[in-house]
Every structure is written in C-alpha cells, then in structure tokens.
C-alpha cells in the first residue's frame, strides 16, 4: 500500500523552459523495514514550455541515504526511451528506488539536445524520500 495522499509531495524545477516535476511515494507493500529494505516509486513529468524541440538523451541521479551513503546512476534516456519533446509536449514515466535506510534524498539532471545540436542539462529537483519508519530525527 502506498503512502496516503497527504504524505505525498510534488517537487518541480524549470531549467531553460523545461519543467521537471517529481512525485515520490513510499511503497509499504514492497518494503521490509526489519530487513533494512525501503522502496519508493516516483512519477516524473517533463514538460517542454520552450519554443524548440528537444530530446532527452541521458540521465544522472544522485541518491543519498540518511547515513550519507551516495549512489550515482548514469545512463541513456529514461525507462528505455529517449523521448523527443516538441514545444508544449510532455513525457511522463514512473520508476523506483530502494534504500537500506528509512529516508534519503534524490536529485539529478537530464541531458537534452536541441534541434540545433546544442547539449544542455535540465536539473531534476531534489526530492525527499521519507517513510513512516523514520524516527523523529532531523538530518
């Protein structure tokens, strides 16, 4: 069972007229707290609010758990795709992340290429991964 709607948060950031919105959800039914296994799903929407067509070519994620352990993930596209976004278009996908701690944070960037061949990074907003298993400790 996913966390209730009032616990879910939406994070958004715009870079060069490309808005990335992320909505994380803790997955209680896939998590095993006693085994230090905590799982989140996150839904991403990438909206092209600019005037030129762009293509998402690579992704970079920095995942930090509550002990400060960092995992970096790099790769081509997202969910096996390198979507092309014309002006006004959006692409949405869902993915997930497991941690060995009950909380953490994710952030990153997508590398885009414009019709003219210019490559630029679009920042993914930092978002909090919080489970109901967090002991009232502030980091």
N, C-alpha and C. Protein backbone atom coordinates (compact mmCIF):
# COMPACT_ATOMS: atom_id res chain seq x y z
N UNK A 1 0.84 -1.18 0.00
CA UNK A 1 0.00 0.00 0.00
C UNK A 1 0.89 1.24 0.00
N UNK A 2 0.59 2.18 -0.86
CA UNK A 2 1.36 3.42 -0.93
C UNK A 2 0.96 4.35 0.20
N UNK A 3 1.81 5.31 0.44
CA UNK A 3 1.52 6.31 1.48
C UNK A 3 0.26 7.08 1.10
N UNK A 4 -0.42 7.61 2.08
CA UNK A 4 -1.64 8.36 1.80
C UNK A 4 -1.29 9.66 1.07
N UNK A 5 -2.29 10.20 0.37
CA UNK A 5 -2.06 11.38 -0.46
C UNK A 5 -1.52 12.57 0.32
N UNK A 6 -1.92 12.70 1.61
CA UNK A 6 -1.45 13.87 2.35
C UNK A 6 0.04 13.76 2.69
N UNK A 7 0.62 12.56 2.56
CA UNK A 7 2.05 12.40 2.82
C UNK A 7 2.87 12.60 1.55
N UNK A 8 2.21 12.56 0.40
CA UNK A 8 2.92 12.69 -0.88
C UNK A 8 3.21 14.15 -1.17
N UNK A 9 4.34 14.36 -1.82
CA UNK A 9 4.74 15.72 -2.16
C UNK A 9 5.10 15.78 -3.63
N UNK A 10 4.95 16.98 -4.18
CA UNK A 10 5.32 17.20 -5.57
C UNK A 10 6.44 18.24 -5.59
N UNK A 11 7.48 17.94 -6.33
CA UNK A 11 8.64 18.83 -6.44
C UNK A 11 8.79 19.22 -7.91
N UNK A 12 9.02 20.50 -8.20
CA UNK A 12 9.15 20.96 -9.58
C UNK A 12 10.29 21.96 -9.71
N UNK A 13 10.93 21.93 -10.87
CA UNK A 13 12.03 22.85 -11.17
C UNK A 13 12.06 23.07 -12.67
N UNK A 14 12.29 24.32 -13.09
CA UNK A 14 12.34 24.65 -14.51
C UNK A 14 13.75 25.11 -14.88
N UNK A 15 14.28 24.52 -15.93
CA UNK A 15 15.57 24.91 -16.50
C UNK A 15 15.35 25.13 -17.99
N UNK A 16 15.66 26.32 -18.47
CA UNK A 16 15.53 26.63 -19.91
C UNK A 16 14.16 26.24 -20.48
N UNK A 17 13.13 26.59 -19.76
CA UNK A 17 11.74 26.34 -20.17
C UNK A 17 11.34 24.87 -20.18
N UNK A 18 12.16 24.00 -19.61
CA UNK A 18 11.81 22.59 -19.45
C UNK A 18 11.52 22.38 -17.95
N UNK A 19 10.29 22.00 -17.62
CA UNK A 19 9.91 21.80 -16.23
C UNK A 19 9.87 20.32 -15.91
N UNK A 20 10.60 19.94 -14.87
CA UNK A 20 10.61 18.57 -14.38
C UNK A 20 9.86 18.56 -13.05
N UNK A 21 8.82 17.73 -12.98
CA UNK A 21 8.03 17.57 -11.77
C UNK A 21 8.15 16.13 -11.30
N UNK A 22 8.45 15.95 -10.02
CA UNK A 22 8.61 14.61 -9.45
C UNK A 22 7.67 14.44 -8.27
N UNK A 23 7.02 13.29 -8.21
CA UNK A 23 6.13 12.97 -7.10
C UNK A 23 6.53 11.60 -6.55
N UNK A 24 7.22 11.57 -5.40
CA UNK A 24 7.62 10.28 -4.81
C UNK A 24 6.53 9.69 -3.91
N UNK A 25 6.50 8.37 -3.83
CA UNK A 25 5.54 7.65 -2.99
C UNK A 25 6.27 6.50 -2.32
N UNK A 26 6.14 6.39 -1.02
CA UNK A 26 6.72 5.25 -0.31
C UNK A 26 5.88 4.01 -0.57
N UNK A 27 6.53 2.89 -0.86
CA UNK A 27 5.83 1.64 -1.15
C UNK A 27 5.93 0.70 0.05
N UNK A 28 4.98 0.82 0.93
CA UNK A 28 4.95 -0.01 2.14
C UNK A 28 4.92 -1.50 1.80
N UNK A 29 4.13 -1.86 0.77
CA UNK A 29 3.96 -3.27 0.44
C UNK A 29 5.21 -3.91 -0.16
N UNK A 30 6.16 -3.12 -0.63
CA UNK A 30 7.41 -3.68 -1.18
C UNK A 30 8.58 -3.50 -0.22
N UNK A 31 8.34 -2.85 0.89
CA UNK A 31 9.40 -2.57 1.86
C UNK A 31 9.37 -3.60 2.99
N UNK A 32 10.57 -3.88 3.52
CA UNK A 32 10.71 -4.80 4.64
C UNK A 32 11.62 -4.10 5.67
N UNK A 33 11.03 -3.25 6.50
CA UNK A 33 11.84 -2.45 7.43
C UNK A 33 12.77 -3.29 8.32
N UNK A 34 12.32 -4.45 8.78
CA UNK A 34 13.16 -5.28 9.64
C UNK A 34 14.40 -5.79 8.91
N UNK A 35 14.33 -5.82 7.56
CA UNK A 35 15.47 -6.26 6.75
C UNK A 35 16.21 -5.05 6.14
N UNK A 36 15.90 -3.86 6.65
CA UNK A 36 16.50 -2.62 6.14
C UNK A 36 16.32 -2.48 4.62
N UNK A 37 15.09 -2.69 4.17
CA UNK A 37 14.76 -2.58 2.74
C UNK A 37 13.54 -1.67 2.63
N UNK A 38 13.78 -0.45 2.10
CA UNK A 38 12.74 0.56 1.97
C UNK A 38 12.66 0.95 0.49
N UNK A 39 11.45 0.96 -0.07
CA UNK A 39 11.28 1.17 -1.51
C UNK A 39 10.33 2.33 -1.78
N UNK A 40 10.73 3.17 -2.72
CA UNK A 40 9.90 4.28 -3.18
C UNK A 40 9.67 4.16 -4.68
N UNK A 41 8.49 4.60 -5.12
CA UNK A 41 8.23 4.82 -6.53
C UNK A 41 8.23 6.33 -6.72
N UNK A 42 8.55 6.76 -7.92
CA UNK A 42 8.43 8.19 -8.20
C UNK A 42 7.93 8.36 -9.62
N UNK A 43 7.04 9.34 -9.77
CA UNK A 43 6.44 9.67 -11.06
C UNK A 43 7.08 10.98 -11.53
N UNK A 44 7.55 10.98 -12.78
CA UNK A 44 8.23 12.15 -13.34
C UNK A 44 7.45 12.66 -14.55
N UNK A 45 7.29 13.97 -14.61
CA UNK A 45 6.71 14.63 -15.79
C UNK A 45 7.72 15.66 -16.28
N UNK A 46 8.05 15.58 -17.57
CA UNK A 46 8.98 16.51 -18.20
C UNK A 46 8.19 17.29 -19.24
N UNK A 47 8.03 18.59 -19.01
CA UNK A 47 7.18 19.44 -19.86
C UNK A 47 8.05 20.44 -20.61
N UNK A 48 7.91 20.46 -21.93
CA UNK A 48 8.65 21.43 -22.75
C UNK A 48 7.81 22.69 -22.91
N UNK A 49 8.18 23.73 -22.15
CA UNK A 49 7.48 25.00 -22.25
C UNK A 49 8.20 25.99 -23.15
N UNK A 50 9.22 25.48 -23.86
CA UNK A 50 10.02 26.35 -24.72
C UNK A 50 9.51 26.39 -26.15
N UNK A 51 10.33 26.99 -27.01
CA UNK A 51 9.94 27.17 -28.41
C UNK A 51 10.61 26.20 -29.36
N UNK A 52 11.55 25.39 -28.84
CA UNK A 52 12.22 24.45 -29.74
C UNK A 52 12.06 23.02 -29.27
N UNK A 53 12.14 22.11 -30.22
CA UNK A 53 12.06 20.69 -29.94
C UNK A 53 13.37 20.24 -29.30
N UNK A 54 13.25 19.40 -28.26
CA UNK A 54 14.43 18.87 -27.57
C UNK A 54 14.26 17.36 -27.42
N UNK A 55 15.40 16.69 -27.24
CA UNK A 55 15.38 15.26 -26.98
C UNK A 55 16.16 14.97 -25.71
N UNK A 56 15.59 14.15 -24.84
CA UNK A 56 16.28 13.70 -23.64
C UNK A 56 17.21 12.56 -24.06
N UNK A 57 18.51 12.73 -23.82
CA UNK A 57 19.45 11.71 -24.27
C UNK A 57 20.08 10.91 -23.13
N UNK A 58 20.35 11.54 -21.99
CA UNK A 58 20.92 10.79 -20.86
C UNK A 58 20.31 11.26 -19.55
N UNK A 59 20.53 10.44 -18.50
CA UNK A 59 20.05 10.78 -17.17
C UNK A 59 21.20 10.63 -16.18
N UNK A 60 21.13 11.39 -15.10
CA UNK A 60 22.07 11.27 -13.99
C UNK A 60 21.28 11.43 -12.70
N UNK A 61 21.43 10.47 -11.80
CA UNK A 61 20.78 10.54 -10.49
C UNK A 61 21.83 10.44 -9.40
N UNK A 62 21.64 11.22 -8.35
CA UNK A 62 22.45 11.12 -7.14
C UNK A 62 21.48 10.78 -6.01
N UNK A 63 21.65 9.59 -5.45
CA UNK A 63 20.75 9.09 -4.42
C UNK A 63 21.55 9.01 -3.12
N UNK A 64 21.11 9.72 -2.10
CA UNK A 64 21.82 9.77 -0.83
C UNK A 64 20.90 9.24 0.27
N UNK A 65 21.37 8.23 1.01
CA UNK A 65 20.55 7.71 2.10
C UNK A 65 20.80 8.52 3.37
N UNK A 66 20.08 8.20 4.43
CA UNK A 66 20.16 9.02 5.65
C UNK A 66 21.49 8.84 6.40
N UNK A 67 22.32 7.88 6.00
CA UNK A 67 23.66 7.75 6.57
C UNK A 67 24.70 8.50 5.73
N UNK A 68 24.26 9.14 4.66
CA UNK A 68 25.18 9.88 3.81
C UNK A 68 25.82 9.04 2.72
N UNK A 69 25.43 7.78 2.59
CA UNK A 69 25.94 6.92 1.52
C UNK A 69 25.35 7.41 0.19
N UNK A 70 26.21 7.58 -0.81
CA UNK A 70 25.77 8.11 -2.10
C UNK A 70 25.88 7.04 -3.18
N UNK A 71 24.83 6.94 -3.97
CA UNK A 71 24.84 6.08 -5.16
C UNK A 71 24.57 6.98 -6.36
N UNK A 72 25.38 6.86 -7.39
CA UNK A 72 25.18 7.63 -8.61
C UNK A 72 24.75 6.69 -9.73
N UNK A 73 23.76 7.13 -10.50
CA UNK A 73 23.25 6.33 -11.60
C UNK A 73 23.30 7.19 -12.86
N UNK A 74 23.94 6.66 -13.90
CA UNK A 74 24.01 7.36 -15.19
C UNK A 74 23.57 6.39 -16.27
N UNK A 75 22.97 6.92 -17.31
CA UNK A 75 22.58 6.04 -18.41
C UNK A 75 21.90 6.80 -19.52
N UNK A 76 21.64 6.06 -20.60
CA UNK A 76 20.95 6.63 -21.75
C UNK A 76 19.46 6.71 -21.46
N UNK A 77 18.86 7.84 -21.77
CA UNK A 77 17.42 8.01 -21.68
C UNK A 77 16.83 7.69 -20.33
N UNK A 78 15.52 7.43 -20.35
CA UNK A 78 14.77 7.05 -19.16
C UNK A 78 13.83 5.91 -19.55
N UNK A 79 13.68 4.95 -18.69
CA UNK A 79 12.85 3.76 -18.92
C UNK A 79 12.99 3.22 -20.35
N UNK A 80 14.23 3.16 -20.83
CA UNK A 80 14.49 2.61 -22.15
C UNK A 80 14.14 3.51 -23.32
N UNK A 81 13.84 4.78 -23.05
CA UNK A 81 13.43 5.70 -24.12
C UNK A 81 14.27 6.96 -24.09
N UNK A 82 14.38 7.60 -25.24
CA UNK A 82 15.00 8.92 -25.37
C UNK A 82 13.95 9.82 -26.03
N UNK A 83 12.99 10.28 -25.23
CA UNK A 83 11.83 10.98 -25.80
C UNK A 83 12.18 12.31 -26.45
N UNK A 84 11.46 12.61 -27.54
CA UNK A 84 11.54 13.90 -28.23
C UNK A 84 10.33 14.70 -27.78
N UNK A 85 10.59 15.93 -27.31
CA UNK A 85 9.52 16.81 -26.83
C UNK A 85 9.44 18.06 -27.69
N UNK A 86 8.37 18.16 -28.44
CA UNK A 86 8.12 19.37 -29.21
C UNK A 86 7.58 20.44 -28.27
N UNK A 87 7.59 21.71 -28.68
CA UNK A 87 7.05 22.76 -27.82
C UNK A 87 5.64 22.41 -27.33
N UNK A 88 5.45 22.52 -26.01
CA UNK A 88 4.16 22.23 -25.41
C UNK A 88 3.94 20.77 -25.03
N UNK A 89 4.79 19.88 -25.49
CA UNK A 89 4.61 18.45 -25.20
C UNK A 89 5.24 18.07 -23.86
N UNK A 90 4.76 16.95 -23.32
CA UNK A 90 5.29 16.42 -22.06
C UNK A 90 5.52 14.92 -22.21
N UNK A 91 6.42 14.41 -21.39
CA UNK A 91 6.68 12.97 -21.31
C UNK A 91 6.61 12.60 -19.84
N UNK A 92 5.93 11.50 -19.55
CA UNK A 92 5.80 11.06 -18.17
C UNK A 92 6.26 9.61 -18.05
N UNK A 93 6.85 9.30 -16.90
CA UNK A 93 7.24 7.92 -16.63
C UNK A 93 7.30 7.69 -15.14
N UNK A 94 7.34 6.43 -14.76
CA UNK A 94 7.46 6.06 -13.35
C UNK A 94 8.66 5.13 -13.19
N UNK A 95 9.32 5.25 -12.05
CA UNK A 95 10.45 4.39 -11.74
C UNK A 95 10.48 4.21 -10.23
N UNK A 96 11.55 3.63 -9.72
CA UNK A 96 11.62 3.40 -8.29
C UNK A 96 13.04 3.38 -7.79
N UNK A 97 13.16 3.41 -6.46
CA UNK A 97 14.47 3.39 -5.82
C UNK A 97 14.38 2.70 -4.48
N UNK A 98 15.27 1.72 -4.23
CA UNK A 98 15.34 1.11 -2.90
C UNK A 98 16.46 1.74 -2.09
N UNK A 99 16.28 1.79 -0.78
CA UNK A 99 17.33 2.25 0.13
C UNK A 99 17.42 1.27 1.30
N UNK A 100 18.56 1.30 1.99
CA UNK A 100 18.70 0.49 3.21
C UNK A 100 18.40 1.31 4.45
N UNK A 101 18.00 2.57 4.27
CA UNK A 101 17.62 3.44 5.38
C UNK A 101 16.18 3.92 5.14
N UNK A 102 15.48 4.32 6.19
CA UNK A 102 14.07 4.72 6.03
C UNK A 102 13.86 6.10 5.42
N UNK A 103 14.94 6.79 5.09
CA UNK A 103 14.79 8.07 4.41
C UNK A 103 16.03 8.36 3.58
N UNK A 104 15.89 9.33 2.69
CA UNK A 104 17.01 9.74 1.84
C UNK A 104 16.58 10.90 0.97
N UNK A 105 17.42 11.18 -0.02
CA UNK A 105 17.13 12.28 -0.94
C UNK A 105 17.66 11.91 -2.31
N UNK A 106 16.96 12.34 -3.34
CA UNK A 106 17.39 12.12 -4.72
C UNK A 106 17.41 13.46 -5.45
N UNK A 107 18.34 13.59 -6.38
CA UNK A 107 18.42 14.76 -7.26
C UNK A 107 19.16 14.30 -8.51
N UNK A 108 19.20 15.14 -9.53
CA UNK A 108 19.92 14.75 -10.73
C UNK A 108 19.72 15.72 -11.86
N UNK A 109 19.95 15.20 -13.08
CA UNK A 109 19.82 16.02 -14.28
C UNK A 109 19.58 15.14 -15.49
N UNK A 110 18.87 15.69 -16.46
CA UNK A 110 18.72 15.06 -17.76
C UNK A 110 19.56 15.87 -18.75
N UNK A 111 20.30 15.19 -19.61
CA UNK A 111 20.98 15.93 -20.68
C UNK A 111 20.05 15.92 -21.89
N UNK A 112 19.83 17.10 -22.41
CA UNK A 112 18.96 17.29 -23.57
C UNK A 112 19.81 17.73 -24.75
N UNK A 113 19.28 17.50 -25.93
CA UNK A 113 19.90 18.04 -27.13
C UNK A 113 18.81 18.76 -27.92
N UNK A 114 19.14 19.97 -28.37
CA UNK A 114 18.16 20.78 -29.12
C UNK A 114 18.24 20.42 -30.60
N UNK A 115 17.30 20.93 -31.37
CA UNK A 115 17.28 20.69 -32.82
C UNK A 115 18.57 21.16 -33.47
N UNK A 116 19.18 22.21 -32.92
CA UNK A 116 20.42 22.74 -33.50
C UNK A 116 21.64 21.93 -33.07
N UNK A 117 21.44 20.92 -32.20
CA UNK A 117 22.56 20.07 -31.78
C UNK A 117 23.20 20.51 -30.48
N UNK A 118 22.68 21.58 -29.87
CA UNK A 118 23.24 22.05 -28.59
C UNK A 118 22.83 21.09 -27.48
N UNK A 119 23.81 20.70 -26.65
CA UNK A 119 23.53 19.85 -25.49
C UNK A 119 23.48 20.73 -24.24
N UNK A 120 22.51 20.47 -23.38
CA UNK A 120 22.40 21.22 -22.13
C UNK A 120 21.74 20.33 -21.09
N UNK A 121 22.01 20.64 -19.83
CA UNK A 121 21.44 19.88 -18.72
C UNK A 121 20.18 20.54 -18.19
N UNK A 122 19.19 19.72 -17.87
CA UNK A 122 17.97 20.16 -17.22
C UNK A 122 17.99 19.53 -15.84
N UNK A 123 17.95 20.37 -14.83
CA UNK A 123 18.06 19.89 -13.45
C UNK A 123 16.77 19.20 -13.00
N UNK A 124 16.95 18.08 -12.29
CA UNK A 124 15.84 17.39 -11.64
C UNK A 124 15.80 17.92 -10.21
N UNK A 125 14.63 18.37 -9.73
CA UNK A 125 14.61 18.93 -8.37
C UNK A 125 14.97 17.87 -7.34
N UNK A 126 15.69 18.28 -6.31
CA UNK A 126 15.97 17.38 -5.19
C UNK A 126 14.64 17.05 -4.53
N UNK A 127 14.45 15.78 -4.21
CA UNK A 127 13.22 15.39 -3.53
C UNK A 127 13.52 14.41 -2.42
N UNK A 128 12.70 14.51 -1.39
CA UNK A 128 12.88 13.74 -0.17
C UNK A 128 12.20 12.39 -0.27
N UNK A 129 12.90 11.36 0.19
CA UNK A 129 12.35 10.02 0.31
C UNK A 129 12.15 9.78 1.80
N UNK A 130 10.93 9.85 2.24
CA UNK A 130 10.63 9.68 3.66
C UNK A 130 9.61 8.57 3.83
N UNK A 131 9.89 7.66 4.74
CA UNK A 131 8.95 6.59 5.04
C UNK A 131 8.34 6.85 6.42
N UNK A 132 7.26 6.16 6.73
CA UNK A 132 6.68 6.30 8.07
C UNK A 132 7.56 5.64 9.13
N UNK A 133 8.64 5.00 8.72
CA UNK A 133 9.53 4.31 9.64
C UNK A 133 10.67 5.20 10.14
N UNK A 134 10.67 6.46 9.73
CA UNK A 134 11.71 7.39 10.17
C UNK A 134 11.48 7.72 11.64
N UNK A 135 12.54 7.60 12.42
CA UNK A 135 12.46 8.03 13.83
C UNK A 135 12.62 9.53 13.83
N UNK A 136 11.84 10.28 14.50
CA UNK A 136 11.87 11.73 14.51
C UNK A 136 13.23 12.39 14.60
N UNK A 137 14.15 12.03 13.73
CA UNK A 137 15.49 12.59 13.74
C UNK A 137 15.62 13.53 12.56
N UNK A 138 16.10 14.72 12.79
CA UNK A 138 16.32 15.67 11.70
C UNK A 138 17.74 15.50 11.19
N UNK A 139 17.92 15.56 9.87
CA UNK A 139 19.27 15.47 9.33
C UNK A 139 19.75 16.86 8.99
